[in-house]
Protein backbone atom coordinates (compact mmCIF):
# COMPACT_ATOMS: atom_id res chain seq x y z
CA UNK A 1 0.00 0.00 0.00
CA UNK A 2 1.30 3.45 -0.90
CA UNK A 3 0.02 6.64 0.67
CA UNK A 4 1.12 9.98 -0.69
CA UNK A 5 0.55 13.23 1.13
CA UNK A 6 1.65 16.37 -0.70
CA UNK A 7 1.92 19.91 0.63
CA UNK A 8 0.65 18.87 4.05
CA UNK A 9 0.21 21.16 7.02
CA UNK A 10 1.19 20.06 10.53
CA UNK A 11 -2.15 18.43 11.34
CA UNK A 12 -2.25 16.54 8.02
CA UNK A 13 1.32 15.31 8.52
CA UNK A 14 0.60 14.13 12.06
CA UNK A 15 -2.52 12.24 10.94
CA UNK A 16 -0.64 10.63 8.03
CA UNK A 17 2.17 9.48 10.35
CA UNK A 18 -0.35 8.07 12.80
CA UNK A 19 -2.13 6.18 10.00
CA UNK A 20 1.22 4.88 8.72
CA UNK A 21 2.02 3.41 12.12
CA UNK A 22 -1.39 1.77 12.45
CA UNK A 23 -1.21 0.08 9.04
CA UNK A 24 2.08 -1.73 9.67
CA UNK A 25 1.94 -5.23 11.09
CA UNK A 26 4.82 -6.87 12.97
CA UNK A 27 6.42 -8.50 9.91
CA UNK A 28 5.73 -5.71 7.41
CA UNK A 29 8.37 -3.57 5.75
CA UNK A 30 7.56 0.12 5.84
CA UNK A 31 9.14 3.12 4.18
CA UNK A 32 8.42 6.64 5.38
CA UNK A 33 9.89 9.22 3.02
CA UNK A 34 9.71 12.94 3.67
CA UNK A 35 10.75 15.34 0.92
CA UNK A 36 10.90 18.82 2.30
CA UNK A 37 12.66 20.99 4.82
CA UNK A 38 13.85 19.82 8.18
CA UNK A 39 16.03 21.04 10.99
CA UNK A 40 17.80 19.81 14.08
CA UNK A 41 17.58 21.67 17.38
CA UNK A 42 19.15 20.45 20.63
CA UNK A 43 19.57 16.93 19.26
CA UNK A 44 15.98 16.62 18.02
CA UNK A 45 15.09 16.37 14.33
CA UNK A 46 12.03 18.19 13.00
CA UNK A 47 10.07 17.96 9.76
CA UNK A 48 8.76 21.33 8.62
CA UNK A 49 5.26 21.20 7.09
CA UNK A 50 3.69 23.65 4.66
CA UNK A 51 2.97 26.85 6.54
CA UNK A 52 5.60 26.10 9.17
CA UNK A 53 6.92 29.64 9.49
CA UNK A 54 9.37 29.13 12.33
CA UNK A 55 11.38 32.04 13.64
CA UNK A 56 12.38 30.79 17.11
CA UNK A 57 13.06 27.37 18.66
CA UNK A 58 10.06 27.61 20.98
CA UNK A 59 7.74 27.62 17.95
CA UNK A 60 8.83 24.14 16.81
CA UNK A 61 6.35 22.25 18.99
CA UNK A 62 3.48 24.24 17.46
CA UNK A 63 4.67 24.45 13.86
CA UNK A 64 6.73 21.33 13.10
CA UNK A 65 6.66 17.56 13.54
CA UNK A 66 9.29 15.94 15.72
CA UNK A 67 10.79 13.23 13.50
CA UNK A 68 10.77 10.89 16.50
CA UNK A 69 6.98 10.82 16.10
CA UNK A 70 7.42 8.53 13.10
CA UNK A 71 9.23 5.93 15.18
CA UNK A 72 6.89 6.41 18.14
CA UNK A 73 3.94 5.37 15.88
CA UNK A 74 5.51 2.03 14.84
CA UNK A 75 7.12 -0.89 16.62
CA UNK A 76 10.73 -0.42 15.49
CA UNK A 77 12.20 -3.90 15.44
CA UNK A 78 15.73 -4.99 14.71
CA UNK A 79 16.30 -4.15 11.09
CA UNK A 80 15.17 -0.53 11.28
CA UNK A 81 17.13 2.17 9.50
CA UNK A 82 16.92 5.97 9.54
CA UNK A 83 18.53 7.86 6.69
CA UNK A 84 18.94 11.61 6.40
CA UNK A 85 20.01 13.58 3.32
CA UNK A 86 22.78 15.17 5.36
CA UNK A 87 24.29 15.10 8.82
CA UNK A 88 23.51 17.35 11.75
CA UNK A 89 24.31 21.05 11.36
CA UNK A 90 24.62 20.69 7.58
CA UNK A 91 22.50 21.83 4.66
CA UNK A 92 21.32 19.51 1.89
CA UNK A 93 21.97 20.59 -1.71
CA UNK A 94 18.94 21.24 -3.88
CA UNK A 95 20.28 19.48 -6.97
CA UNK A 96 19.67 20.46 -10.58
CA UNK A 97 16.00 19.62 -10.98
CA UNK A 98 12.89 19.25 -8.85
CA UNK A 99 14.63 16.73 -6.62
CA UNK A 100 17.48 17.33 -4.20
CA UNK A 101 20.88 15.77 -4.70
CA UNK A 102 20.18 13.03 -2.12
CA UNK A 103 16.79 12.13 -3.63
CA UNK A 104 18.20 12.00 -7.16
CA UNK A 105 20.95 9.62 -6.07
CA UNK A 106 18.66 7.49 -3.90
CA UNK A 107 16.18 7.02 -6.74
CA UNK A 108 18.99 5.99 -9.07
CA UNK A 109 20.43 3.37 -6.71
CA UNK A 110 17.21 2.02 -5.24
CA UNK A 111 16.27 0.74 -8.70
CA UNK A 112 19.50 -1.26 -9.05
CA UNK A 113 18.58 -4.97 -8.93
CA UNK A 114 19.93 -7.26 -6.20
CA UNK A 115 21.30 -4.55 -3.89
CA UNK A 116 20.72 -4.76 -0.15
CA UNK A 117 19.38 -1.69 1.63
CA UNK A 118 22.83 -1.08 3.11
CA UNK A 119 24.39 -1.14 -0.37
CA UNK A 120 21.77 1.28 -1.71
CA UNK A 121 22.48 3.70 1.12
CA UNK A 122 26.27 3.34 0.76
CA UNK A 123 26.14 4.00 -2.98
CA UNK A 124 23.79 6.93 -2.44
CA UNK A 125 26.10 8.41 0.21
CA UNK A 126 29.17 7.96 -2.00
CA UNK A 127 27.46 9.64 -4.96
CA UNK A 128 26.18 12.58 -2.88
CA UNK A 129 29.60 13.16 -1.31
CA UNK A 130 31.19 13.08 -4.77
CA UNK A 131 28.60 15.35 -6.43
CA UNK A 132 28.72 17.88 -3.57
CA UNK A 133 32.52 17.90 -3.31
CA UNK A 134 32.15 16.52 0.24
CA UNK A 135 29.89 19.39 1.36
CA UNK A 136 26.94 17.04 1.89
CA UNK A 137 27.32 13.70 3.62
CA UNK A 138 24.13 11.64 4.08
CA UNK A 139 23.75 10.22 7.56
CA UNK A 140 22.15 6.98 8.70
CA UNK A 141 21.44 5.10 11.90
CA UNK A 142 20.59 1.43 11.84
CA UNK A 143 19.82 -1.62 13.93
CA UNK A 144 20.53 -3.90 10.98
């Protein structure tokens, strides 16, 4: 099942994340992909929805979605992986087209037959680092 939410406000994003968590069963494989702006403040990652005009840190709880909400809505078993377009305190490159540099590379490598998820992420990271002259380094955390 694929659910696409485009140009969502904070309430729409929260409801979509909640629904995502409820639809996954114990042995399912789920992919949550967010294309948009995000930020990290005091070690917490935030997804910025449409209309999220944030000027100060104290506005995050009212205008953004804590990325930890995604994991809080699902039972994250061994084999979970989080991947970010860039590391903390860094800015992701926009790329040449509608997609950012990370997304362009991920889409290219995810379609390569017979690659494990780790290999897809490694190839994506290598390509992004190369294309950005080491200015952007995708980051991942895994229990795989």
